[in-house]
């Protein structure tokens, strides 16, 4: 912004030589006052820590704080909670497959799909039909 006699005005904050944009402040300092942040020094940060690995990081005010440090820890948490919540169901599926029940019957009894029964059985090393060696002509 041009001052009297065509001189370029500087920001009112001491040590800032940026040109004035709003109310005697540069764009950076004006936005800090508008957000309620201090004009000088680093903005107040909240410290968050990952519940899985314990890593910590700072979150600026007005920013969304993530719960986990990254996608790997988030995925590990989802796997852990899913396995804990479905452990009893998986044990019933394994017991049924080992007893020789049909996957369709196990699925109807537990209220899941046959593909879920097959997937859980495969995870525990159980197969409906053992693999036969391939014949070559």
N, C-alpha and C. Protein backbone atom coordinates (compact mmCIF):
# COMPACT_ATOMS: atom_id res chain seq x y z
N UNK A 1 0.85 -1.16 0.00
CA UNK A 1 0.00 0.00 0.00
C UNK A 1 0.90 1.23 0.00
N UNK A 2 0.55 2.18 -0.77
CA UNK A 2 1.36 3.38 -0.91
C UNK A 2 0.95 4.40 0.14
N UNK A 3 1.91 4.96 0.81
CA UNK A 3 1.66 5.99 1.81
C UNK A 3 1.67 7.37 1.17
N UNK A 4 1.74 8.39 2.01
CA UNK A 4 1.81 9.76 1.46
C UNK A 4 3.10 9.96 0.68
N UNK A 5 3.03 10.69 -0.36
CA UNK A 5 4.15 11.01 -1.24
C UNK A 5 4.72 9.77 -1.92
N UNK A 6 3.93 8.73 -2.10
CA UNK A 6 4.33 7.55 -2.87
C UNK A 6 5.31 6.63 -2.18
N UNK A 7 5.48 6.71 -0.85
CA UNK A 7 6.40 5.82 -0.14
C UNK A 7 5.71 4.51 0.20
N UNK A 8 6.46 3.43 0.09
CA UNK A 8 5.94 2.10 0.44
C UNK A 8 5.92 1.97 1.96
N UNK A 9 4.76 1.65 2.56
CA UNK A 9 4.68 1.49 4.02
C UNK A 9 5.02 0.06 4.39
N UNK A 10 5.60 -0.07 5.59
CA UNK A 10 5.97 -1.39 6.11
C UNK A 10 5.02 -1.80 7.21
N UNK A 11 5.02 -3.09 7.53
CA UNK A 11 4.19 -3.66 8.59
C UNK A 11 4.51 -3.00 9.92
N UNK A 12 3.51 -2.85 10.79
CA UNK A 12 3.69 -2.18 12.08
C UNK A 12 4.42 -3.05 13.10
N UNK A 13 4.56 -4.35 12.85
CA UNK A 13 5.25 -5.25 13.78
C UNK A 13 6.75 -5.00 13.66
N UNK A 14 7.41 -4.88 14.80
CA UNK A 14 8.84 -4.59 14.82
C UNK A 14 9.63 -5.72 14.17
N UNK A 15 10.49 -5.39 13.25
CA UNK A 15 11.33 -6.37 12.59
C UNK A 15 10.73 -6.92 11.31
N UNK A 16 9.52 -6.55 10.98
CA UNK A 16 8.88 -7.05 9.74
C UNK A 16 8.90 -5.93 8.71
N UNK A 17 9.55 -6.19 7.57
CA UNK A 17 9.64 -5.17 6.52
C UNK A 17 8.70 -5.45 5.36
N UNK A 18 7.72 -6.32 5.55
CA UNK A 18 6.79 -6.63 4.46
C UNK A 18 5.84 -5.47 4.23
N UNK A 19 5.31 -5.33 3.01
CA UNK A 19 4.40 -4.22 2.73
C UNK A 19 3.05 -4.39 3.44
N UNK A 20 2.43 -3.26 3.77
CA UNK A 20 1.14 -3.25 4.46
C UNK A 20 0.04 -3.70 3.51
N UNK A 21 -0.85 -4.56 4.01
CA UNK A 21 -2.01 -4.98 3.23
C UNK A 21 -3.31 -4.58 3.91
N UNK A 22 -3.41 -4.80 5.26
CA UNK A 22 -4.64 -4.52 5.99
C UNK A 22 -4.31 -3.87 7.32
N UNK A 23 -4.94 -2.72 7.62
CA UNK A 23 -4.88 -2.07 8.93
C UNK A 23 -3.46 -1.94 9.49
N UNK A 24 -2.53 -1.59 8.66
CA UNK A 24 -1.16 -1.36 9.09
C UNK A 24 -0.34 -2.61 9.29
N UNK A 25 -0.86 -3.79 8.90
CA UNK A 25 -0.15 -5.05 9.06
C UNK A 25 0.00 -5.73 7.70
N UNK A 26 1.03 -6.57 7.61
CA UNK A 26 1.19 -7.38 6.39
C UNK A 26 0.16 -8.51 6.42
N UNK A 27 0.09 -9.27 5.34
CA UNK A 27 -0.89 -10.35 5.24
C UNK A 27 -0.70 -11.39 6.34
N UNK A 28 0.54 -11.75 6.62
CA UNK A 28 0.85 -12.77 7.62
C UNK A 28 0.39 -12.33 9.01
N UNK A 29 0.78 -11.13 9.44
CA UNK A 29 0.43 -10.68 10.78
C UNK A 29 -1.06 -10.37 10.91
N UNK A 30 -1.69 -9.88 9.87
CA UNK A 30 -3.13 -9.63 9.94
C UNK A 30 -3.90 -10.93 10.10
N UNK A 31 -3.49 -11.97 9.39
CA UNK A 31 -4.18 -13.26 9.50
C UNK A 31 -3.97 -13.86 10.89
N UNK A 32 -2.80 -13.61 11.51
CA UNK A 32 -2.56 -14.10 12.86
C UNK A 32 -3.48 -13.40 13.87
N UNK A 33 -3.68 -12.09 13.71
CA UNK A 33 -4.59 -11.39 14.63
C UNK A 33 -6.02 -11.86 14.41
N UNK A 34 -6.39 -12.10 13.17
CA UNK A 34 -7.75 -12.55 12.86
C UNK A 34 -8.03 -13.94 13.45
N UNK A 35 -7.00 -14.80 13.50
CA UNK A 35 -7.17 -16.15 14.07
C UNK A 35 -6.96 -16.19 15.58
N UNK A 36 -6.49 -15.09 16.16
CA UNK A 36 -6.27 -15.05 17.59
C UNK A 36 -4.91 -15.58 18.02
N UNK A 37 -3.95 -15.60 17.12
CA UNK A 37 -2.61 -16.08 17.42
C UNK A 37 -1.73 -14.90 17.82
N UNK A 38 -0.64 -15.14 18.57
CA UNK A 38 0.25 -14.03 18.93
C UNK A 38 0.96 -13.48 17.70
N UNK A 39 1.23 -12.18 17.70
CA UNK A 39 1.89 -11.55 16.55
C UNK A 39 3.35 -11.99 16.43
N UNK A 40 4.03 -12.16 17.55
CA UNK A 40 5.44 -12.53 17.52
C UNK A 40 5.62 -13.95 18.04
N UNK A 41 6.64 -14.61 17.55
CA UNK A 41 6.95 -15.95 18.02
C UNK A 41 6.10 -17.02 17.34
N UNK A 42 6.39 -18.25 17.67
CA UNK A 42 5.64 -19.34 17.04
C UNK A 42 4.21 -19.40 17.60
N UNK A 43 3.26 -19.87 16.79
CA UNK A 43 1.89 -19.99 17.28
C UNK A 43 1.78 -21.08 18.34
N UNK A 44 0.77 -20.97 19.19
CA UNK A 44 0.55 -21.97 20.23
C UNK A 44 0.17 -23.29 19.55
N UNK A 45 0.85 -24.35 19.94
CA UNK A 45 0.61 -25.66 19.33
C UNK A 45 0.10 -26.63 20.38
N UNK A 46 -0.75 -27.54 19.94
CA UNK A 46 -1.16 -28.66 20.78
C UNK A 46 -0.26 -29.83 20.45
N UNK A 47 0.10 -30.61 21.45
CA UNK A 47 0.95 -31.77 21.22
C UNK A 47 0.07 -33.01 21.24
N UNK A 48 0.18 -33.82 20.19
CA UNK A 48 -0.56 -35.08 20.09
C UNK A 48 0.44 -36.22 20.09
N UNK A 49 -0.01 -37.39 20.51
CA UNK A 49 0.85 -38.57 20.44
C UNK A 49 0.05 -39.75 19.92
N UNK A 50 0.71 -40.61 19.17
CA UNK A 50 0.07 -41.77 18.54
C UNK A 50 -0.18 -42.84 19.60
N UNK A 51 -1.41 -43.38 19.69
CA UNK A 51 -1.67 -44.41 20.69
C UNK A 51 -1.01 -45.75 20.38
N UNK A 52 -0.58 -45.96 19.15
CA UNK A 52 0.02 -47.24 18.79
C UNK A 52 1.54 -47.26 19.02
N UNK A 53 2.25 -46.23 18.53
CA UNK A 53 3.71 -46.26 18.61
C UNK A 53 4.29 -45.22 19.57
N UNK A 54 3.48 -44.25 20.02
CA UNK A 54 3.94 -43.26 20.97
C UNK A 54 4.64 -42.06 20.35
N UNK A 55 4.69 -41.97 19.02
CA UNK A 55 5.31 -40.81 18.37
C UNK A 55 4.49 -39.57 18.69
N UNK A 56 5.16 -38.40 18.81
CA UNK A 56 4.44 -37.17 19.13
C UNK A 56 4.71 -36.13 18.05
N UNK A 57 3.76 -35.20 17.89
CA UNK A 57 3.88 -34.13 16.91
C UNK A 57 3.02 -32.96 17.36
N UNK A 58 3.27 -31.79 16.79
CA UNK A 58 2.53 -30.59 17.14
C UNK A 58 1.45 -30.30 16.12
N UNK A 59 0.33 -29.75 16.59
CA UNK A 59 -0.79 -29.41 15.72
C UNK A 59 -1.08 -27.92 15.90
N UNK A 60 -1.09 -27.19 14.81
CA UNK A 60 -1.38 -25.76 14.86
C UNK A 60 -2.85 -25.52 15.17
N UNK A 61 -3.17 -24.40 15.82
CA UNK A 61 -4.57 -24.09 16.10
C UNK A 61 -5.36 -23.96 14.80
N UNK A 62 -6.58 -24.41 14.83
CA UNK A 62 -7.43 -24.34 13.65
C UNK A 62 -7.22 -25.48 12.67
N UNK A 63 -6.27 -26.36 12.95
CA UNK A 63 -6.00 -27.50 12.07
C UNK A 63 -6.59 -28.76 12.67
N UNK A 64 -6.98 -29.68 11.83
CA UNK A 64 -7.53 -30.95 12.29
C UNK A 64 -6.39 -31.81 12.85
N UNK A 65 -6.58 -32.31 14.05
CA UNK A 65 -5.57 -33.14 14.69
C UNK A 65 -5.82 -34.60 14.36
N UNK A 66 -4.84 -35.24 13.76
CA UNK A 66 -4.98 -36.66 13.46
C UNK A 66 -4.72 -37.48 14.71
N UNK A 67 -5.30 -38.67 14.77
CA UNK A 67 -5.17 -39.52 15.95
C UNK A 67 -3.90 -40.35 15.86
N UNK A 68 -3.59 -40.84 14.66
CA UNK A 68 -2.43 -41.72 14.48
C UNK A 68 -1.34 -40.98 13.70
N UNK A 69 -0.09 -41.44 13.86
CA UNK A 69 1.02 -40.76 13.20
C UNK A 69 1.03 -41.02 11.70
N UNK A 70 0.40 -42.08 11.23
CA UNK A 70 0.38 -42.38 9.81
C UNK A 70 -0.55 -43.53 9.49
N UNK A 71 -0.65 -43.87 8.21
CA UNK A 71 -1.57 -44.94 7.81
C UNK A 71 -1.19 -46.31 8.36
N UNK A 72 0.11 -46.53 8.60
CA UNK A 72 0.53 -47.84 9.12
C UNK A 72 -0.02 -48.08 10.52
N UNK A 73 0.10 -47.09 11.41
CA UNK A 73 -0.41 -47.24 12.78
C UNK A 73 -1.94 -47.31 12.80
N UNK A 74 -2.58 -46.56 11.91
CA UNK A 74 -4.04 -46.61 11.84
C UNK A 74 -4.50 -48.00 11.43
N UNK A 75 -3.83 -48.58 10.44
CA UNK A 75 -4.19 -49.92 9.97
C UNK A 75 -3.93 -50.96 11.05
N UNK A 76 -2.81 -50.85 11.77
CA UNK A 76 -2.53 -51.78 12.86
C UNK A 76 -3.59 -51.72 13.94
N UNK A 77 -4.07 -50.50 14.24
CA UNK A 77 -5.12 -50.36 15.25
C UNK A 77 -6.42 -51.01 14.77
N UNK A 78 -6.78 -50.78 13.50
CA UNK A 78 -8.01 -51.37 12.97
C UNK A 78 -7.93 -52.89 12.97
N UNK A 79 -6.78 -53.45 12.61
CA UNK A 79 -6.62 -54.91 12.62
C UNK A 79 -6.75 -55.45 14.04
N UNK A 80 -6.13 -54.79 15.00
CA UNK A 80 -6.17 -55.26 16.39
C UNK A 80 -7.59 -55.23 16.94
N UNK A 81 -8.32 -54.14 16.70
CA UNK A 81 -9.68 -54.05 17.23
C UNK A 81 -10.61 -55.01 16.51
N UNK A 82 -10.42 -55.20 15.21
CA UNK A 82 -11.29 -56.12 14.45
C UNK A 82 -11.07 -57.56 14.92
N UNK A 83 -9.82 -57.95 15.09
CA UNK A 83 -9.55 -59.32 15.53
C UNK A 83 -10.07 -59.58 16.92
N UNK A 84 -9.97 -58.58 17.79
CA UNK A 84 -10.46 -58.75 19.17
C UNK A 84 -11.98 -58.87 19.18
N UNK A 85 -12.66 -58.09 18.34
CA UNK A 85 -14.12 -58.11 18.35
C UNK A 85 -14.68 -59.36 17.66
N UNK A 86 -13.93 -59.99 16.77
CA UNK A 86 -14.43 -61.16 16.03
C UNK A 86 -13.75 -62.46 16.44
N UNK A 87 -13.03 -62.46 17.53
CA UNK A 87 -12.29 -63.65 17.94
C UNK A 87 -13.22 -64.83 18.21
N UNK A 88 -14.33 -64.59 18.92
CA UNK A 88 -15.26 -65.67 19.25
C UNK A 88 -15.89 -66.25 17.99
N UNK A 89 -16.28 -65.38 17.05
CA UNK A 89 -16.85 -65.84 15.80
C UNK A 89 -15.85 -66.68 15.02
N UNK A 90 -14.59 -66.23 14.96
CA UNK A 90 -13.57 -66.98 14.22
C UNK A 90 -13.33 -68.35 14.85
N UNK A 91 -13.35 -68.41 16.19
CA UNK A 91 -13.17 -69.70 16.85
C UNK A 91 -14.30 -70.66 16.52
N UNK A 92 -15.53 -70.15 16.43
CA UNK A 92 -16.67 -70.99 16.07
C UNK A 92 -16.55 -71.48 14.63
N UNK A 93 -16.07 -70.63 13.75
CA UNK A 93 -15.88 -71.04 12.35
C UNK A 93 -14.83 -72.13 12.26
N UNK A 94 -13.71 -71.95 12.93
CA UNK A 94 -12.63 -72.95 12.90
C UNK A 94 -13.12 -74.28 13.46
N UNK A 95 -13.86 -74.24 14.57
CA UNK A 95 -14.38 -75.47 15.16
C UNK A 95 -15.34 -76.17 14.21
N UNK A 96 -16.19 -75.41 13.52
CA UNK A 96 -17.12 -75.99 12.56
C UNK A 96 -16.43 -76.62 11.38
N UNK A 97 -15.41 -75.96 10.85
CA UNK A 97 -14.68 -76.49 9.70
C UNK A 97 -13.91 -77.75 10.11
N UNK A 98 -13.31 -77.74 11.29
CA UNK A 98 -12.59 -78.92 11.75
C UNK A 98 -13.53 -80.09 12.02
N UNK A 99 -14.78 -79.79 12.38
CA UNK A 99 -15.76 -80.86 12.62
C UNK A 99 -16.32 -81.40 11.32
N UNK A 100 -16.04 -80.75 10.19
CA UNK A 100 -16.48 -81.24 8.89
C UNK A 100 -17.81 -80.65 8.43
N UNK A 101 -18.27 -79.58 9.06
CA UNK A 101 -19.52 -78.94 8.63
C UNK A 101 -19.31 -78.24 7.30
N UNK A 102 -20.38 -78.10 6.54
CA UNK A 102 -20.31 -77.36 5.29
C UNK A 102 -20.19 -75.86 5.58
N UNK A 103 -19.50 -75.18 4.71
CA UNK A 103 -19.33 -73.74 4.88
C UNK A 103 -20.68 -73.03 4.86
N UNK A 104 -21.59 -73.50 4.03
CA UNK A 104 -22.91 -72.90 3.93
C UNK A 104 -23.66 -73.00 5.25
N UNK A 105 -23.56 -74.15 5.90
CA UNK A 105 -24.24 -74.37 7.18
C UNK A 105 -23.64 -73.48 8.27
N UNK A 106 -22.31 -73.38 8.31
CA UNK A 106 -21.64 -72.53 9.30
C UNK A 106 -22.04 -71.06 9.08
N UNK A 107 -22.09 -70.64 7.82
CA UNK A 107 -22.43 -69.26 7.50
C UNK A 107 -23.86 -68.94 7.94
N UNK A 108 -24.79 -69.83 7.70
CA UNK A 108 -26.19 -69.59 8.11
C UNK A 108 -26.31 -69.54 9.63
N UNK A 109 -25.60 -70.41 10.33
CA UNK A 109 -25.67 -70.46 11.78
C UNK A 109 -25.12 -69.19 12.43
N UNK A 110 -24.03 -68.65 11.88
CA UNK A 110 -23.38 -67.48 12.46
C UNK A 110 -23.83 -66.16 11.85
N UNK A 111 -24.60 -66.22 10.75
CA UNK A 111 -25.08 -64.98 10.12
C UNK A 111 -24.01 -64.25 9.33
N UNK A 112 -23.11 -65.00 8.70
CA UNK A 112 -22.08 -64.40 7.85
C UNK A 112 -22.19 -65.02 6.47
N UNK A 113 -21.35 -64.57 5.55
CA UNK A 113 -21.37 -65.13 4.20
C UNK A 113 -20.42 -66.32 4.12
N UNK A 114 -20.60 -67.12 3.08
CA UNK A 114 -19.72 -68.28 2.90
C UNK A 114 -18.30 -67.85 2.59
N UNK A 115 -18.15 -66.71 1.92
CA UNK A 115 -16.79 -66.23 1.64
C UNK A 115 -16.06 -65.84 2.93
N UNK A 116 -16.80 -65.32 3.92
CA UNK A 116 -16.19 -65.01 5.21
C UNK A 116 -15.71 -66.28 5.89
N UNK A 117 -16.53 -67.32 5.83
CA UNK A 117 -16.14 -68.60 6.42
C UNK A 117 -14.89 -69.14 5.73
N UNK A 118 -14.84 -69.08 4.41
CA UNK A 118 -13.69 -69.56 3.66
C UNK A 118 -12.43 -68.75 3.99
N UNK A 119 -12.60 -67.42 4.10
CA UNK A 119 -11.46 -66.55 4.38
C UNK A 119 -10.89 -66.82 5.77
N UNK A 120 -11.77 -66.99 6.76
CA UNK A 120 -11.29 -67.26 8.12
C UNK A 120 -10.63 -68.63 8.18
N UNK A 121 -11.23 -69.62 7.51
CA UNK A 121 -10.65 -70.96 7.51
C UNK A 121 -9.28 -70.95 6.84
N UNK A 122 -9.14 -70.20 5.76
CA UNK A 122 -7.85 -70.12 5.07
C UNK A 122 -6.81 -69.43 5.94
N UNK A 123 -7.23 -68.42 6.73
CA UNK A 123 -6.31 -67.72 7.62
C UNK A 123 -5.72 -68.66 8.66
N UNK A 124 -6.51 -69.65 9.08
CA UNK A 124 -6.04 -70.61 10.08
C UNK A 124 -5.47 -71.88 9.45
N UNK A 125 -5.29 -71.87 8.13
CA UNK A 125 -4.65 -73.00 7.46
C UNK A 125 -5.59 -74.15 7.16
N UNK A 126 -6.89 -73.93 7.21
CA UNK A 126 -7.87 -74.98 6.93
C UNK A 126 -8.44 -74.76 5.54
N UNK A 127 -8.52 -75.82 4.76
CA UNK A 127 -9.06 -75.73 3.40
C UNK A 127 -10.23 -76.69 3.29
N UNK A 128 -11.20 -76.30 2.48
CA UNK A 128 -12.34 -77.18 2.25
C UNK A 128 -11.89 -78.40 1.47
N UNK A 129 -11.13 -78.16 0.41
CA UNK A 129 -10.59 -79.26 -0.41
C UNK A 129 -9.09 -79.06 -0.47
N UNK A 130 -8.32 -80.05 -0.04
CA UNK A 130 -6.87 -79.89 -0.12
C UNK A 130 -6.41 -79.80 -1.56
N UNK A 131 -5.36 -79.06 -1.77
CA UNK A 131 -4.84 -78.89 -3.13
C UNK A 131 -4.28 -80.20 -3.64
N UNK A 132 -4.62 -80.50 -4.88
CA UNK A 132 -4.07 -81.72 -5.52
C UNK A 132 -2.92 -81.28 -6.42
N UNK A 133 -1.93 -82.12 -6.57
CA UNK A 133 -0.83 -81.75 -7.47
C UNK A 133 -1.32 -81.68 -8.91
N UNK A 134 -0.76 -80.75 -9.67
CA UNK A 134 -1.16 -80.58 -11.07
C UNK A 134 -0.60 -81.70 -11.93
N UNK A 135 -1.42 -82.13 -12.86
CA UNK A 135 -0.93 -83.13 -13.81
C UNK A 135 -0.46 -82.44 -15.07
N UNK A 136 0.66 -82.88 -15.54
CA UNK A 136 1.17 -82.31 -16.79
C UNK A 136 1.06 -83.37 -17.87
N UNK A 137 0.59 -82.93 -18.98
CA UNK A 137 0.42 -83.89 -20.09
C UNK A 137 1.65 -84.07 -20.91
